[in-house]
Protein backbone atom coordinates (compact mmCIF):
# COMPACT_ATOMS: atom_id res chain seq x y z
CA UNK A 1 -0.01 0.04 -0.01
CA UNK A 2 1.52 3.32 -0.99
CA UNK A 3 2.27 5.69 1.83
CA UNK A 4 0.98 9.22 1.81
CA UNK A 5 3.81 11.71 1.80
CA UNK A 6 3.04 14.79 3.79
CA UNK A 7 5.05 17.90 2.89
CA UNK A 8 4.77 21.64 3.40
CA UNK A 9 2.99 22.29 0.12
CA UNK A 10 0.18 19.82 1.00
CA UNK A 11 -0.27 21.40 4.37
CA UNK A 12 -0.44 24.87 2.85
CA UNK A 13 -3.02 23.71 0.33
CA UNK A 14 -5.23 22.27 3.11
CA UNK A 15 -4.97 25.44 5.16
CA UNK A 16 -5.67 27.79 2.19
CA UNK A 17 -8.60 25.66 1.05
CA UNK A 18 -10.15 25.55 4.49
CA UNK A 19 -9.80 29.24 5.11
CA UNK A 20 -11.15 30.21 1.69
CA UNK A 21 -14.01 27.73 2.11
CA UNK A 22 -14.89 29.33 5.48
CA UNK A 23 -14.64 32.90 4.11
CA UNK A 24 -16.96 32.08 1.21
CA UNK A 25 -19.42 30.52 3.59
CA UNK A 26 -19.41 33.56 5.89
CA UNK A 27 -19.82 36.00 2.99
CA UNK A 28 -22.72 34.01 1.50
CA UNK A 29 -24.41 33.78 4.87
CA UNK A 30 -23.97 37.57 5.45
CA UNK A 31 -25.50 38.17 1.96
CA UNK A 32 -28.73 36.38 2.92
CA UNK A 33 -27.86 32.73 1.91
CA UNK A 34 -28.38 30.85 5.16
CA UNK A 35 -28.36 27.13 5.96
CA UNK A 36 -27.11 24.64 3.41
CA UNK A 37 -27.11 27.37 0.73
CA UNK A 38 -24.22 29.15 2.40
CA UNK A 39 -22.13 25.95 2.30
CA UNK A 40 -22.95 25.36 -1.41
CA UNK A 41 -21.26 28.57 -2.46
CA UNK A 42 -17.69 27.67 -1.60
CA UNK A 43 -18.23 24.26 -3.17
CA UNK A 44 -19.39 26.02 -6.42
CA UNK A 45 -16.32 28.28 -6.47
CA UNK A 46 -13.89 25.46 -5.80
CA UNK A 47 -15.46 23.25 -8.51
CA UNK A 48 -15.15 26.06 -11.05
CA UNK A 49 -11.45 26.52 -10.12
CA UNK A 50 -10.80 22.84 -10.56
CA UNK A 51 -12.64 22.66 -13.93
CA UNK A 52 -10.68 25.63 -15.28
CA UNK A 53 -7.42 24.19 -14.02
CA UNK A 54 -8.07 20.83 -15.69
CA UNK A 55 -8.89 22.59 -18.94
CA UNK A 56 -5.67 24.53 -18.79
CA UNK A 57 -3.70 21.27 -18.29
CA UNK A 58 -5.25 19.59 -21.32
CA UNK A 59 -5.06 22.58 -23.67
CA UNK A 60 -1.97 24.75 -23.64
CA UNK A 61 -3.51 27.87 -25.17
CA UNK A 62 -7.09 28.16 -23.90
CA UNK A 63 -8.18 31.73 -23.18
CA UNK A 64 -11.63 30.68 -21.96
CA UNK A 65 -10.16 28.45 -19.33
CA UNK A 66 -7.89 31.21 -18.12
CA UNK A 67 -10.80 33.62 -17.99
CA UNK A 68 -13.02 31.33 -15.87
CA UNK A 69 -9.97 30.50 -13.58
CA UNK A 70 -9.48 34.18 -12.97
CA UNK A 71 -13.21 34.72 -12.26
CA UNK A 72 -13.32 31.88 -9.74
CA UNK A 73 -10.05 33.06 -8.16
CA UNK A 74 -11.41 36.62 -7.85
CA UNK A 75 -14.48 35.25 -6.11
CA UNK A 76 -12.32 33.31 -3.60
CA UNK A 77 -9.92 36.16 -2.97
CA UNK A 78 -12.73 38.68 -2.81
CA UNK A 79 -14.40 36.68 -0.06
CA UNK A 80 -11.08 36.42 1.86
CA UNK A 81 -10.56 40.18 1.69
CA UNK A 82 -14.20 41.08 2.40
CA UNK A 83 -14.26 38.98 5.58
CA UNK A 84 -10.91 40.40 6.81
CA UNK A 85 -12.63 43.36 8.44
CA UNK A 86 -12.99 45.62 5.32
CA UNK A 87 -16.69 44.87 4.96
CA UNK A 88 -19.39 45.05 7.57
CA UNK A 89 -20.93 41.61 7.41
CA UNK A 90 -23.91 42.90 9.32
CA UNK A 91 -24.67 45.44 6.62
CA UNK A 92 -23.82 43.95 3.26
CA UNK A 93 -24.38 46.33 0.28
CA UNK A 94 -27.05 45.58 -2.28
CA UNK A 95 -24.66 45.05 -5.17
CA UNK A 96 -22.76 42.37 -3.23
CA UNK A 97 -26.08 40.59 -2.48
CA UNK A 98 -26.82 40.71 -6.21
CA UNK A 99 -23.40 39.20 -7.04
CA UNK A 100 -23.82 36.43 -4.47
CA UNK A 101 -27.36 35.64 -5.68
CA UNK A 102 -26.23 35.46 -9.31
CA UNK A 103 -23.10 33.44 -8.73
CA UNK A 104 -24.68 29.94 -9.05
CA UNK A 105 -25.92 30.62 -12.59
CA UNK A 106 -22.57 32.11 -13.57
CA UNK A 107 -20.62 29.19 -12.17
CA UNK A 108 -22.92 26.69 -13.94
CA UNK A 109 -22.37 28.51 -17.29
CA UNK A 110 -18.59 28.51 -16.85
CA UNK A 111 -18.47 24.86 -15.82
CA UNK A 112 -20.63 23.79 -18.74
CA UNK A 113 -18.51 25.73 -21.25
CA UNK A 114 -15.28 24.26 -19.78
CA UNK A 115 -16.49 20.62 -19.68
CA UNK A 116 -18.05 20.60 -23.14
CA UNK A 117 -15.41 22.72 -24.92
CA UNK A 118 -13.75 20.86 -27.90
CA UNK A 119 -10.25 19.63 -27.19
CA UNK A 120 -7.39 19.00 -29.55
CA UNK A 121 -7.26 15.69 -31.41
CA UNK A 122 -5.88 12.82 -29.37
CA UNK A 123 -2.51 11.41 -30.31
CA UNK A 124 -3.58 7.84 -29.38
CA UNK A 125 -2.35 5.55 -32.21
CA UNK A 126 -5.59 3.53 -31.95
CA UNK A 127 -7.62 6.62 -32.79
CA UNK A 128 -5.56 7.55 -35.82
CA UNK A 129 -7.38 6.88 -39.11
CA UNK A 130 -6.19 3.90 -41.11
CA UNK A 131 -3.82 4.62 -43.87
CA UNK A 132 -5.34 4.66 -47.23
CA UNK A 133 -4.57 1.69 -49.40
CA UNK A 134 -1.74 2.16 -51.89
CA UNK A 135 -2.92 3.39 -55.22
CA UNK A 136 -1.67 1.62 -58.24
CA UNK A 137 0.49 3.82 -60.43
CA UNK A 138 -1.38 5.16 -63.38
CA UNK A 139 0.23 4.05 -66.69
CA UNK A 140 1.28 6.93 -68.86
CA UNK A 141 -0.80 7.18 -71.99
CA UNK A 142 1.05 6.07 -75.08
CA UNK A 143 1.03 8.84 -77.65
CA UNK A 144 -0.81 8.10 -80.86
CA UNK A 145 1.61 7.32 -83.72
CA UNK A 146 0.35 8.45 -87.08
CA UNK A 147 1.89 6.60 -89.99
CA UNK A 148 1.89 8.73 -93.07
CA UNK A 149 1.74 6.74 -96.32
CA UNK A 150 3.84 8.08 -99.10
CA UNK A 151 1.69 9.09 -102.07
CA UNK A 152 1.72 6.77 -105.07
CA UNK A 153 3.76 8.17 -107.90
CA UNK A 154 1.59 9.77 -110.58
CA UNK A 155 1.47 7.75 -113.79
CA UNK A 156 3.65 9.22 -116.49
CA UNK A 157 1.59 10.74 -119.25
CA UNK A 158 2.66 10.37 -122.84
CA UNK A 159 4.30 13.51 -124.20
CA UNK A 160 1.84 15.84 -125.87
CA UNK A 161 2.19 15.98 -129.65
CA UNK A 162 3.95 19.05 -130.89
CA UNK A 163 1.57 21.67 -132.10
CA UNK A 164 1.62 22.07 -135.80
CA UNK A 165 2.73 25.49 -136.81
CA UNK A 166 -0.08 27.70 -137.97
CA UNK A 167 0.51 28.78 -141.49
CA UNK A 168 0.91 32.44 -141.86
CA UNK A 169 -1.89 34.17 -143.71
CA UNK A 170 -1.00 34.70 -147.28
CA UNK A 171 -1.47 38.32 -148.16
CA UNK A 172 -4.00 38.91 -150.89
CA UNK A 173 -2.62 40.34 -154.00
CA UNK A 174 -3.09 43.97 -154.61
CA UNK A 175 -5.20 43.23 -157.52
CA UNK A 176 -7.65 41.10 -155.52
CA UNK A 177 -11.21 41.61 -156.58
CA UNK A 178 -13.09 44.16 -154.34
CA UNK A 179 -16.85 44.29 -154.40
CA UNK A 180 -18.00 47.51 -156.04
CA UNK A 181 -20.25 48.47 -153.19
CA UNK A 182 -17.44 48.04 -150.70
CA UNK A 183 -15.15 50.02 -152.90
CA UNK A 184 -17.62 52.88 -153.20
CA UNK A 185 -18.08 52.97 -149.46
CA UNK A 186 -14.34 52.97 -148.94
CA UNK A 187 -13.93 55.84 -151.35
CA UNK A 188 -16.46 57.88 -149.38
CA UNK A 189 -14.63 57.17 -146.14
CA UNK A 190 -11.31 58.13 -147.79
CA UNK A 191 -12.69 61.43 -149.09
CA UNK A 192 -14.15 62.29 -145.73
CA UNK A 193 -10.83 61.46 -143.97
CA UNK A 194 -8.85 63.60 -146.47
CA UNK A 195 -11.29 66.53 -146.02
CA UNK A 196 -11.00 66.27 -142.24
CA UNK A 197 -7.29 65.68 -141.95
CA UNK A 198 -5.83 66.92 -145.22
CA UNK A 199 -4.05 63.61 -145.71
CA UNK A 200 -4.86 60.46 -147.56
CA UNK A 201 -6.31 57.57 -145.55
CA UNK A 202 -3.90 54.78 -144.78
CA UNK A 203 -4.55 50.99 -144.88
CA UNK A 204 -4.76 50.60 -141.06
CA UNK A 205 -7.32 53.36 -140.69
CA UNK A 206 -9.37 52.03 -143.52
CA UNK A 207 -9.25 48.56 -142.14
CA UNK A 208 -10.44 49.87 -138.74
CA UNK A 209 -13.25 51.82 -140.36
CA UNK A 210 -14.46 48.98 -142.63
CA UNK A 211 -13.78 46.08 -140.30
CA UNK A 212 -12.19 44.03 -143.05
CA UNK A 213 -9.06 41.84 -143.07
CA UNK A 214 -5.68 43.53 -143.66
CA UNK A 215 -5.12 42.01 -147.13
CA UNK A 216 -8.49 43.24 -148.31
CA UNK A 217 -7.83 46.75 -146.76
CA UNK A 218 -4.51 46.86 -148.56
CA UNK A 219 -6.24 45.95 -151.87
CA UNK A 220 -8.84 48.68 -151.40
CA UNK A 221 -6.19 51.26 -150.48
CA UNK A 222 -4.28 50.34 -153.65
CA UNK A 223 -7.35 50.78 -155.81
CA UNK A 224 -8.16 54.16 -154.17
CA UNK A 225 -4.75 55.51 -154.99
């Protein structure tokens, strides 16, 4: 059986707890909470202190736990100071009576928030999620290979036959026969041209006016001379 080791710190803790418990009881009783109700107040303050201390032990950075610890500590220290002769317990002010009467609800709110506050994830190996099964490596897609077929050679065409040379037009002799009507019309055009320009009409102008081939125009020009 393990032996209980008594040291100075444990004795100081018992003395401080007993005195604080008694001071809270006396203050609650002076504020109108008599009987068992006066003893319930120090229990409520101490439980809130313990709950806040446990929350600070489990979570390193928890401002809510520190805030409720300070509130409970202020209630305990305030009772110690108030019952040290600075407050007339026979004539407790109204604001202190209100604080004492509202303390149970405040302590219950703080204790509920501390107990049910979310904590950090546990590092227990049993609670760690199972590792996902290994995923088979995805095969890299093979690029599409396009085989280009060489075009078939075009069939050789037989060489085109050489174009036969077009025979040059044989100029009509100067003495070619010219229709009389065409000759009379040409003479009128020649006279009009000579009147207008003062020069005899040439073969190219006559051919353009009559719209006849060059050999025929040359024949008509010759006959007009």
